Amino acid sequence: MTQSRAIDSRRSPRSGRQRFPARGRRPAPAGLAVLLALLVQATGASQAPTADALLRDADRARGGVATGITWTAAVETTEDGVTTARTFLVKARGNDALVEALAPARYKGEIMLFNDRTIWFIKPGLRKPVSISARQRLSGEAANGDIASTNYARDYEGTIVGEEPVGGEPAYRLELKARAKNVTYDRIRYWVSTKRHLGLRAEFLTVGGDLFKTATFDYGNRLRSAAGTFEFVSRMTIRDATGAGTVTSIAFDAPRSETHPVSMFNVNNVVR
């Protein structure tokens, strides 16, 4: 009788099954494991940059500085075995830029004034400024819009479509579609470094999606500004993708932070 009572005391009062002390670590409930997995996933997603943030960072390293920046642009084109060169002084501030031709002598004194998306062409002897297109050819494969500061964050709707390395460097691949008709290109495939947030490669497409030229970017410059020191573009190399073989390089020399007054970019002050 005593033995029977001892066994009964180890049974559950409701189920009648025996209860034994737990041994070792109990497994985590399935619901808790799912919750932890969701938290890890959400944390990773919150750390991923948006397309707009990537474009703003990449723009800064290509001249998109709000307070002001100055550099010299040396444009060299090789076409049909012949190499030509032009040099410009570029002063940019936010969405505006003043581009003055320095060499060769026959172009000296010519000016392109970028007011947001409007570009004015001014040269000695010309009575009135002439409106020109950002898509118009500047030299070789370089368009007018390639010479001044870049503002892809303003001009394009960007979408991150994947990740793909460029020259061994991990990069996000973005698809950019023009927000307006008066920007330099209709569509761009753009690779931006996942770590440095710098534009590494671009493919320029027609509105129908046909590739007509490509570009790569080097960042051998360092720019000091009030916001700190950061990498700045040193060369943009543009290649024809239709088989013509034309190559144009734009060397960005001696970039420096400067405070440019708004009046510098007033067309009435430039035309005298």
C-alpha atoms as a PDB file:
ATOM      1  CA  MET A   1       0.000   0.000   0.000  1.00  0.00           C
ATOM      2  CA  THR A   2       2.803   2.418   0.775  1.00  0.00           C
ATOM      3  CA  GLN A   3       4.500   1.698  -2.571  1.00  0.00           C
ATOM      4  CA  SER A   4       1.244   2.359  -4.491  1.00  0.00           C
ATOM      5  CA  ARG A   5       0.785   5.768  -2.852  1.00  0.00           C
ATOM      6  CA  ALA A   6       4.367   6.757  -3.680  1.00  0.00           C
ATOM      7  CA  ILE A   7       3.769   6.030  -7.348  1.00  0.00           C
ATOM      8  CA  ASP A   8       0.438   7.901  -7.344  1.00  0.00           C
ATOM      9  CA  SER A   9       2.056  11.033  -5.927  1.00  0.00           C
ATOM     10  CA  ARG A  10       4.133  11.377  -9.092  1.00  0.00           C
ATOM     11  CA  ARG A  11       1.080  11.449 -11.382  1.00  0.00           C
ATOM     12  CA  SER A  12      -0.635  14.585 -12.692  1.00  0.00           C
ATOM     13  CA  PRO A  13      -3.872  15.241 -10.893  1.00  0.00           C
ATOM     14  CA  ARG A  14      -5.659  15.866 -14.237  1.00  0.00           C
ATOM     15  CA  SER A  15      -4.075  13.635 -16.853  1.00  0.00           C
ATOM     16  CA  GLY A  16      -2.934  10.875 -14.579  1.00  0.00           C
ATOM     17  CA  ARG A  17       0.407  10.751 -16.401  1.00  0.00           C
ATOM     18  CA  GLN A  18       3.630  10.567 -14.476  1.00  0.00           C
ATOM     19  CA  ARG A  19       5.691  13.765 -14.136  1.00  0.00           C
ATOM     20  CA  PHE A  20       9.439  13.521 -13.915  1.00  0.00           C
ATOM     21  CA  PRO A  21      11.956  16.281 -13.225  1.00  0.00           C
ATOM     22  CA  ALA A  22      13.333  17.987 -16.410  1.00  0.00           C
ATOM     23  CA  ARG A  23      16.841  17.083 -17.324  1.00  0.00           C
ATOM     24  CA  GLY A  24      19.149  19.384 -19.373  1.00  0.00           C
ATOM     25  CA  ARG A  25      18.149  22.560 -21.323  1.00  0.00           C
ATOM     26  CA  ARG A  26      14.606  22.822 -22.605  1.00  0.00           C
ATOM     27  CA  PRO A  27      14.256  23.697 -26.327  1.00  0.00           C
ATOM     28  CA  ALA A  28      13.019  27.216 -27.109  1.00  0.00           C
ATOM     29  CA  PRO A  29       9.375  27.404 -28.084  1.00  0.00           C
ATOM     30  CA  ALA A  30       8.834  27.411 -31.875  1.00  0.00           C
ATOM     31  CA  GLY A  31       7.081  30.795 -31.727  1.00  0.00           C
ATOM     32  CA  LEU A  32      10.075  32.409 -30.039  1.00  0.00           C
ATOM     33  CA  ALA A  33      12.447  31.078 -32.715  1.00  0.00           C
ATOM     34  CA  VAL A  34      10.280  32.552 -35.477  1.00  0.00           C
ATOM     35  CA  LEU A  35      10.132  35.901 -33.663  1.00  0.00           C
ATOM     36  CA  LEU A  36      13.936  36.034 -33.341  1.00  0.00           C
ATOM     37  CA  ALA A  37      14.352  35.265 -37.045  1.00  0.00           C
ATOM     38  CA  LEU A  38      11.959  38.086 -37.954  1.00  0.00           C
ATOM     39  CA  LEU A  39      13.822  40.521 -35.711  1.00  0.00           C
ATOM     40  CA  VAL A  40      17.156  39.662 -37.367  1.00  0.00           C
ATOM     41  CA  GLN A  41      15.605  40.093 -40.798  1.00  0.00           C
ATOM     42  CA  ALA A  42      14.037  43.434 -39.879  1.00  0.00           C
ATOM     43  CA  THR A  43      17.322  44.725 -38.443  1.00  0.00           C
ATOM     44  CA  GLY A  44      19.175  43.861 -41.653  1.00  0.00           C
ATOM     45  CA  ALA A  45      16.487  45.522 -43.778  1.00  0.00           C
ATOM     46  CA  SER A  46      16.608  48.725 -41.727  1.00  0.00           C
ATOM     47  CA  GLN A  47      20.348  49.000 -42.305  1.00  0.00           C
ATOM     48  CA  ALA A  48      20.088  48.679 -46.111  1.00  0.00           C
ATOM     49  CA  PRO A  49      20.333  52.120 -47.804  1.00  0.00           C
ATOM     50  CA  THR A  50      17.612  53.466 -50.046  1.00  0.00           C
ATOM     51  CA  ALA A  51      18.267  54.219 -53.705  1.00  0.00           C
ATOM     52  CA  ASP A  52      17.827  57.936 -53.014  1.00  0.00           C
ATOM     53  CA  ALA A  53      20.413  57.870 -50.199  1.00  0.00           C
ATOM     54  CA  LEU A  54      22.903  56.052 -52.426  1.00  0.00           C
ATOM     55  CA  LEU A  55      22.441  58.606 -55.215  1.00  0.00           C
ATOM     56  CA  ARG A  56      22.907  61.560 -52.849  1.00  0.00           C
ATOM     57  CA  ASP A  57      26.165  60.105 -51.510  1.00  0.00           C
ATOM     58  CA  ALA A  58      27.427  59.296 -55.000  1.00  0.00           C
ATOM     59  CA  ASP A  59      26.467  62.787 -56.234  1.00  0.00           C
ATOM     60  CA  ARG A  60      28.546  64.444 -53.521  1.00  0.00           C
ATOM     61  CA  ALA A  61      31.674  62.661 -54.747  1.00  0.00           C
ATOM     62  CA  ARG A  62      30.964  63.922 -58.278  1.00  0.00           C
ATOM     63  CA  GLY A  63      30.448  67.608 -57.497  1.00  0.00           C
ATOM     64  CA  GLY A  64      27.089  67.752 -55.747  1.00  0.00           C
ATOM     65  CA  VAL A  65      28.250  70.008 -52.899  1.00  0.00           C
ATOM     66  CA  ALA A  66      25.709  72.521 -51.611  1.00  0.00           C
ATOM     67  CA  THR A  67      28.066  75.311 -50.503  1.00  0.00           C
ATOM     68  CA  GLY A  68      30.436  75.344 -53.440  1.00  0.00           C
ATOM     69  CA  ILE A  69      33.311  73.585 -55.168  1.00  0.00           C
ATOM     70  CA  THR A  70      35.804  74.424 -57.918  1.00  0.00           C
ATOM     71  CA  TRP A  71      37.871  72.153 -60.155  1.00  0.00           C
ATOM     72  CA  THR A  72      39.577  72.037 -63.535  1.00  0.00           C
ATOM     73  CA  ALA A  73      38.201  69.559 -66.086  1.00  0.00           C
ATOM     74  CA  ALA A  74      40.576  68.289 -68.754  1.00  0.00           C
ATOM     75  CA  VAL A  75      38.607  66.579 -71.533  1.00  0.00           C
ATOM     76  CA  GLU A  76      40.545  64.328 -73.926  1.00  0.00           C
ATOM     77  CA  THR A  77      38.933  62.432 -76.802  1.00  0.00           C
ATOM     78  CA  THR A  78      40.418  59.808 -79.107  1.00  0.00           C
ATOM     79  CA  GLU A  79      38.341  59.273 -82.235  1.00  0.00           C
ATOM     80  CA  ASP A  80      39.466  57.573 -85.456  1.00  0.00           C
ATOM     81  CA  GLY A  81      43.053  57.659 -84.192  1.00  0.00           C
ATOM     82  CA  VAL A  82      43.009  61.418 -83.588  1.00  0.00           C
ATOM     83  CA  THR A  83      43.235  62.857 -80.058  1.00  0.00           C
ATOM     84  CA  THR A  84      41.844  66.267 -79.150  1.00  0.00           C
ATOM     85  CA  ALA A  85      41.900  68.074 -75.798  1.00  0.00           C
ATOM     86  CA  ARG A  86      39.898  70.837 -74.123  1.00  0.00           C
ATOM     87  CA  THR A  87      40.195  72.375 -70.646  1.00  0.00           C
ATOM     88  CA  PHE A  88      37.490  73.976 -68.526  1.00  0.00           C
ATOM     89  CA  LEU A  89      37.261  75.726 -65.164  1.00  0.00           C
ATOM     90  CA  VAL A  90      34.158  74.534 -63.292  1.00  0.00           C
ATOM     91  CA  LYS A  91      32.576  76.354 -60.344  1.00  0.00           C
ATOM     92  CA  ALA A  92      29.558  74.550 -58.902  1.00  0.00           C
ATOM     93  CA  ARG A  93      27.110  75.085 -56.089  1.00  0.00           C
ATOM     94  CA  GLY A  94      24.159  72.773 -55.542  1.00  0.00           C
ATOM     95  CA  ASN A  95      22.099  72.728 -58.749  1.00  0.00           C
ATOM     96  CA  ASP A  96      24.074  75.523 -60.440  1.00  0.00           C
ATOM     97  CA  ALA A  97      27.426  75.577 -62.219  1.00  0.00           C
ATOM     98  CA  LEU A  98      29.548  78.023 -64.181  1.00  0.00           C
ATOM     99  CA  VAL A  99      31.806  76.343 -66.761  1.00  0.00           C
ATOM    100  CA  GLU A 100      34.421  78.480 -68.535  1.00  0.00           C
ATOM    101  CA  ALA A 101      36.533  77.243 -71.447  1.00  0.00           C
ATOM    102  CA  LEU A 102      40.269  77.791 -70.913  1.00  0.00           C
ATOM    103  CA  ALA A 103      41.869  75.980 -73.839  1.00  0.00           C
ATOM    104  CA  PRO A 104      42.426  75.693 -76.746  1.00  0.00           C
ATOM    105  CA  ALA A 105      42.617  79.380 -77.567  1.00  0.00           C
ATOM    106  CA  ARG A 106      39.743  79.352 -80.071  1.00  0.00           C
ATOM    107  CA  TYR A 107      37.326  78.348 -77.295  1.00  0.00           C
ATOM    108  CA  LYS A 108      38.745  80.572 -74.544  1.00  0.00           C
ATOM    109  CA  GLY A 109      36.119  82.724 -72.863  1.00  0.00           C
ATOM    110  CA  GLU A 110      33.140  80.576 -73.835  1.00  0.00           C
ATOM    111  CA  ILE A 111      30.817  79.887 -70.896  1.00  0.00           C
ATOM    112  CA  MET A 112      28.121  77.375 -70.067  1.00  0.00           C
ATOM    113  CA  LEU A 113      25.892  78.445 -67.192  1.00  0.00           C
ATOM    114  CA  PHE A 114      23.858  75.705 -65.528  1.00  0.00           C
ATOM    115  CA  ASN A 115      20.762  77.038 -63.740  1.00  0.00           C
ATOM    116  CA  ASP A 116      19.091  73.955 -62.342  1.00  0.00           C
ATOM    117  CA  ARG A 117      18.139  72.059 -65.552  1.00  0.00           C
ATOM    118  CA  THR A 118      18.504  75.089 -67.845  1.00  0.00           C
ATOM    119  CA  ILE A 119      21.859  75.593 -69.594  1.00  0.00           C
ATOM    120  CA  TRP A 120      22.906  78.915 -71.137  1.00  0.00           C
ATOM    121  CA  PHE A 121      25.738  79.243 -73.652  1.00  0.00           C
ATOM    122  CA  ILE A 122      27.598  82.551 -73.720  1.00  0.00           C
ATOM    123  CA  LYS A 123      30.673  83.551 -75.709  1.00  0.00           C
ATOM    124  CA  PRO A 124      32.504  86.773 -76.520  1.00  0.00           C
ATOM    125  CA  GLY A 125      30.673  88.736 -79.188  1.00  0.00           C
ATOM    126  CA  LEU A 126      27.355  86.949 -78.613  1.00  0.00           C
ATOM    127  CA  ARG A 127      24.741  89.561 -77.707  1.00  0.00           C
ATOM    128  CA  LYS A 128      22.336  87.207 -75.930  1.00  0.00           C
ATOM    129  CA  PRO A 129      22.768  83.885 -74.145  1.00  0.00           C
ATOM    130  CA  VAL A 130      21.581  80.831 -76.060  1.00  0.00           C
ATOM    131  CA  SER A 131      19.716  77.971 -74.385  1.00  0.00           C
ATOM    132  CA  ILE A 132      21.378  74.608 -75.094  1.00  0.00           C
ATOM    133  CA  SER A 133      20.640  70.994 -74.161  1.00  0.00           C
ATOM    134  CA  ALA A 134      22.392  68.903 -71.513  1.00  0.00           C
ATOM    135  CA  ARG A 135      22.421  66.079 -74.089  1.00  0.00           C
ATOM    136  CA  GLN A 136      24.287  68.089 -76.692  1.00  0.00           C
ATOM    137  CA  ARG A 137      27.735  66.735 -77.503  1.00  0.00           C
ATOM    138  CA  LEU A 138      30.550  68.595 -75.778  1.00  0.00           C
ATOM    139  CA  SER A 139      33.512  66.556 -77.007  1.00  0.00           C
ATOM    140  CA  GLY A 140      33.595  62.973 -78.255  1.00  0.00           C
ATOM    141  CA  GLU A 141      31.373  60.862 -75.997  1.00  0.00           C
ATOM    142  CA  ALA A 142      31.028  63.582 -73.340  1.00  0.00           C
ATOM    143  CA  ALA A 143      27.760  65.529 -73.244  1.00  0.00           C
ATOM    144  CA  ASN A 144      27.336  69.012 -71.829  1.00  0.00           C
ATOM    145  CA  GLY A 145      25.725  67.507 -68.733  1.00  0.00           C
ATOM    146  CA  ASP A 146      28.809  65.371 -67.974  1.00  0.00           C
ATOM    147  CA  ILE A 147      31.139  68.321 -67.406  1.00  0.00           C
ATOM    148  CA  ALA A 148      29.358  69.958 -64.444  1.00  0.00           C
ATOM    149  CA  SER A 149      28.264  68.633 -61.072  1.00  0.00           C
ATOM    150  CA  THR A 150      26.126  65.494 -61.036  1.00  0.00           C
ATOM    151  CA  ASN A 151      22.646  65.483 -59.535  1.00  0.00           C
ATOM    152  CA  TYR A 152      21.259  62.029 -60.211  1.00  0.00           C
ATOM    153  CA  ALA A 153      19.228  62.131 -56.977  1.00  0.00           C
ATOM    154  CA  ARG A 154      17.265  65.077 -58.386  1.00  0.00           C
ATOM    155  CA  ASP A 155      17.117  64.054 -62.046  1.00  0.00           C
ATOM    156  CA  TYR A 156      16.329  60.336 -61.800  1.00  0.00           C
ATOM    157  CA  GLU A 157      13.956  57.934 -60.089  1.00  0.00           C
ATOM    158  CA  GLY A 158      16.207  55.180 -58.767  1.00  0.00           C
ATOM    159  CA  THR A 159      15.507  51.549 -57.894  1.00  0.00           C
ATOM    160  CA  ILE A 160      17.950  49.020 -56.421  1.00  0.00           C
ATOM    161  CA  VAL A 161      17.570  45.872 -58.548  1.00  0.00           C
ATOM    162  CA  GLY A 162      20.398  43.731 -57.192  1.00  0.00           C
ATOM    163  CA  GLU A 163      24.047  43.479 -56.217  1.00  0.00           C
ATOM    164  CA  GLU A 164      26.915  42.905 -58.635  1.00  0.00           C
ATOM    165  CA  PRO A 165      30.672  43.521 -58.172  1.00  0.00           C
ATOM    166  CA  VAL A 166      32.571  46.007 -60.329  1.00  0.00           C
ATOM    167  CA  GLY A 167      36.291  45.344 -60.622  1.00  0.00           C
ATOM    168  CA  GLY A 168      36.054  43.051 -57.610  1.00  0.00           C
ATOM    169  CA  GLU A 169      34.315  45.676 -55.439  1.00  0.00           C
ATOM    170  CA  PRO A 170      30.816  44.779 -54.166  1.00  0.00           C
ATOM    171  CA  ALA A 171      28.208  47.160 -55.558  1.00  0.00           C
ATOM    172  CA  TYR A 172      24.481  47.788 -55.711  1.00  0.00           C
ATOM    173  CA  ARG A 173      23.025  47.855 -59.228  1.00  0.00           C
ATOM    174  CA  LEU A 174      20.443  50.575 -59.733  1.00  0.00           C
ATOM    175  CA  GLU A 175      18.038  51.342 -62.548  1.00  0.00           C
ATOM    176  CA  LEU A 176      17.531  55.075 -63.086  1.00  0.00           C
ATOM    177  CA  LYS A 177      14.693  56.638 -65.063  1.00  0.00           C
ATOM    178  CA  ALA A 178      14.649  60.323 -65.947  1.00  0.00           C
ATOM    179  CA  ARG A 179      12.189  62.503 -64.055  1.00  0.00           C
ATOM    180  CA  ALA A 180      12.144  65.077 -66.888  1.00  0.00           C
ATOM    181  CA  LYS A 181      12.927  65.287 -70.608  1.00  0.00           C
ATOM    182  CA  ASN A 182      15.657  67.914 -70.283  1.00  0.00           C
ATOM    183  CA  VAL A 183      18.147  65.802 -68.317  1.00  0.00           C
ATOM    184  CA  THR A 184      21.328  64.355 -69.824  1.00  0.00           C
ATOM    185  CA  TYR A 185      20.155  60.738 -70.292  1.00  0.00           C
ATOM    186  CA  ASP A 186      16.800  58.950 -70.471  1.00  0.00           C
ATOM    187  CA  ARG A 187      17.841  55.825 -68.572  1.00  0.00           C
ATOM    188  CA  ILE A 188      20.956  54.733 -66.698  1.00  0.00           C
ATOM    189  CA  ARG A 189      22.167  51.499 -65.177  1.00  0.00           C
ATOM    190  CA  TYR A 190      24.325  52.592 -62.273  1.00  0.00           C
ATOM    191  CA  TRP A 191      26.608  50.573 -60.015  1.00  0.00           C
ATOM    192  CA  VAL A 192      27.305  52.133 -56.592  1.00  0.00           C
ATOM    193  CA  SER A 193      29.818  50.707 -54.108  1.00  0.00           C
ATOM    194  CA  THR A 194      28.084  49.009 -51.172  1.00  0.00           C
ATOM    195  CA  LYS A 195      30.779  50.187 -48.753  1.00  0.00           C
ATOM    196  CA  ARG A 196      31.935  53.561 -50.099  1.00  0.00           C
ATOM    197  CA  HIS A 197      28.671  54.686 -51.754  1.00  0.00           C
ATOM    198  CA  LEU A 198      30.584  55.875 -54.844  1.00  0.00           C
ATOM    199  CA  GLY A 199      29.447  55.472 -58.440  1.00  0.00           C
ATOM    200  CA  LEU A 200      31.711  52.868 -60.074  1.00  0.00           C
ATOM    201  CA  ARG A 201      30.150  52.236 -63.465  1.00  0.00           C
ATOM    202  CA  ALA A 202      27.300  53.543 -65.604  1.00  0.00           C
ATOM    203  CA  GLU A 203      25.550  52.321 -68.734  1.00  0.00           C
ATOM    204  CA  PHE A 204      23.595  54.949 -70.647  1.00  0.00           C
ATOM    205  CA  LEU A 205      20.466  53.811 -72.470  1.00  0.00           C
ATOM    206  CA  THR A 206      18.001  55.277 -74.915  1.00  0.00           C
ATOM    207  CA  VAL A 207      14.379  55.641 -73.851  1.00  0.00           C
ATOM    208  CA  GLY A 208      13.787  52.312 -75.617  1.00  0.00           C
ATOM    209  CA  GLY A 209      16.465  50.585 -73.546  1.00  0.00           C
ATOM    210  CA  ASP A 210      19.286  50.403 -76.129  1.00  0.00           C
ATOM    211  CA  LEU A 211      22.816  50.781 -74.756  1.00  0.00           C
ATOM    212  CA  PHE A 212      24.828  53.477 -76.537  1.00  0.00           C
ATOM    213  CA  LYS A 213      27.728  54.288 -74.194  1.00  0.00           C
ATOM    214  CA  THR A 214      29.327  53.304 -70.891  1.00  0.00           C
ATOM    215  CA  ALA A 215      31.377  55.077 -68.220  1.00  0.00           C
ATOM    216  CA  THR A 216      33.711  54.137 -65.390  1.00  0.00           C
ATOM    217  CA  PHE A 217      34.839  56.337 -62.508  1.00  0.00           C
ATOM    218  CA  ASP A 218      38.058  56.667 -60.506  1.00  0.00           C
ATOM    219  CA  TYR A 219      38.376  58.436 -57.144  1.00  0.00           C
ATOM    220  CA  GLY A 220      41.974  59.538 -56.672  1.00  0.00           C
ATOM    221  CA  ASN A 221      41.047  62.934 -55.189  1.00  0.00           C
ATOM    222  CA  ARG A 222      40.249  63.900 -51.597  1.00  0.00           C
ATOM    223  CA  LEU A 223      38.050  66.898 -50.913  1.00  0.00           C
ATOM    224  CA  ARG A 224      38.020  68.793 -47.633  1.00  0.00           C
ATOM    225  CA  SER A 225      34.812  70.563 -46.706  1.00  0.00           C
ATOM    226  CA  ALA A 226      32.968  71.798 -43.636  1.00  0.00           C
ATOM    227  CA  ALA A 227      31.249  68.410 -43.484  1.00  0.00           C
ATOM    228  CA  GLY A 228      34.573  66.551 -43.420  1.00  0.00           C
ATOM    229  CA  THR A 229      36.997  64.979 -45.871  1.00  0.00           C
ATOM    230  CA  PHE A 230      35.721  62.550 -48.493  1.00  0.00           C
ATOM    231  CA  GLU A 231      36.755  60.864 -51.731  1.00  0.00           C
ATOM    232  CA  PHE A 232      36.164  62.860 -54.903  1.00  0.00           C
ATOM    233  CA  VAL A 233      36.118  61.765 -58.537  1.00  0.00           C
ATOM    234  CA  SER A 234      39.442  62.047 -60.383  1.00  0.00           C
ATOM    235  CA  ARG A 235      38.479  60.606 -63.779  1.00  0.00           C
ATOM    236  CA  MET A 236      35.406  59.671 -65.790  1.00  0.00           C
ATOM    237  CA  THR A 237      36.113  57.481 -68.828  1.00  0.00           C
ATOM    238  CA  ILE A 238      33.311  57.291 -71.397  1.00  0.00           C
ATOM    239  CA  ARG A 239      33.280  54.691 -74.173  1.00  0.00           C
ATOM    240  CA  ASP A 240      31.071  54.309 -77.211  1.00  0.00           C
ATOM    241  CA  ALA A 241      29.046  51.076 -77.027  1.00  0.00           C
ATOM    242  CA  THR A 242      27.883  50.981 -80.648  1.00  0.00           C
ATOM    243  CA  GLY A 243      31.214  49.897 -82.130  1.00  0.00           C
ATOM    244  CA  ALA A 244      32.665  53.253 -83.156  1.00  0.00           C
ATOM    245  CA  GLY A 245      35.510  52.924 -80.636  1.00  0.00           C
ATOM    246  CA  THR A 246      35.489  56.548 -79.468  1.00  0.00           C
ATOM    247  CA  VAL A 247      36.876  57.110 -75.962  1.00  0.00           C
ATOM    248  CA  THR A 248      36.603  60.316 -73.939  1.00  0.00           C
ATOM    249  CA  SER A 249      38.152  60.893 -70.517  1.00  0.00           C
ATOM    250  CA  ILE A 250      37.406  63.767 -68.172  1.00  0.00           C
ATOM    251  CA  ALA A 251      40.125  64.395 -65.590  1.00  0.00           C
ATOM    252  CA  PHE A 252      38.936  66.299 -62.503  1.00  0.00           C
ATOM    253  CA  ASP A 253      41.980  68.200 -61.269  1.00  0.00           C
ATOM    254  CA  ALA A 254      42.614  70.250 -58.109  1.00  0.00           C
ATOM    255  CA  PRO A 255      39.101  70.109 -56.572  1.00  0.00           C
ATOM    256  CA  ARG A 256      38.675  72.502 -53.660  1.00  0.00           C
ATOM    257  CA  SER A 257      35.812  73.676 -51.485  1.00  0.00           C
ATOM    258  CA  GLU A 258      34.852  77.306 -52.010  1.00  0.00           C
ATOM    259  CA  THR A 259      31.874  79.409 -51.026  1.00  0.00           C
ATOM    260  CA  HIS A 260      30.311  80.652 -54.247  1.00  0.00           C
ATOM    261  CA  PRO A 261      27.754  83.454 -54.016  1.00  0.00           C
ATOM    262  CA  VAL A 262      24.362  82.877 -55.592  1.00  0.00           C
ATOM    263  CA  SER A 263      24.904  85.958 -57.776  1.00  0.00           C
ATOM    264  CA  MET A 264      27.702  84.125 -59.625  1.00  0.00           C
ATOM    265  CA  PHE A 265      25.084  81.963 -61.317  1.00  0.00           C
ATOM    266  CA  ASN A 266      22.738  84.780 -62.386  1.00  0.00           C
ATOM    267  CA  VAL A 267      22.700  84.909 -66.189  1.00  0.00           C
ATOM    268  CA  ASN A 268      22.305  88.699 -66.108  1.00  0.00           C
ATOM    269  CA  ASN A 269      25.583  89.023 -64.198  1.00  0.00           C
ATOM    270  CA  VAL A 270      27.425  86.719 -66.596  1.00  0.00           C
ATOM    271  CA  VAL A 271      26.281  88.499 -69.765  1.00  0.00           C
ATOM    272  CA  ARG A 272      27.903  91.917 -69.812  1.00  0.00           C
END
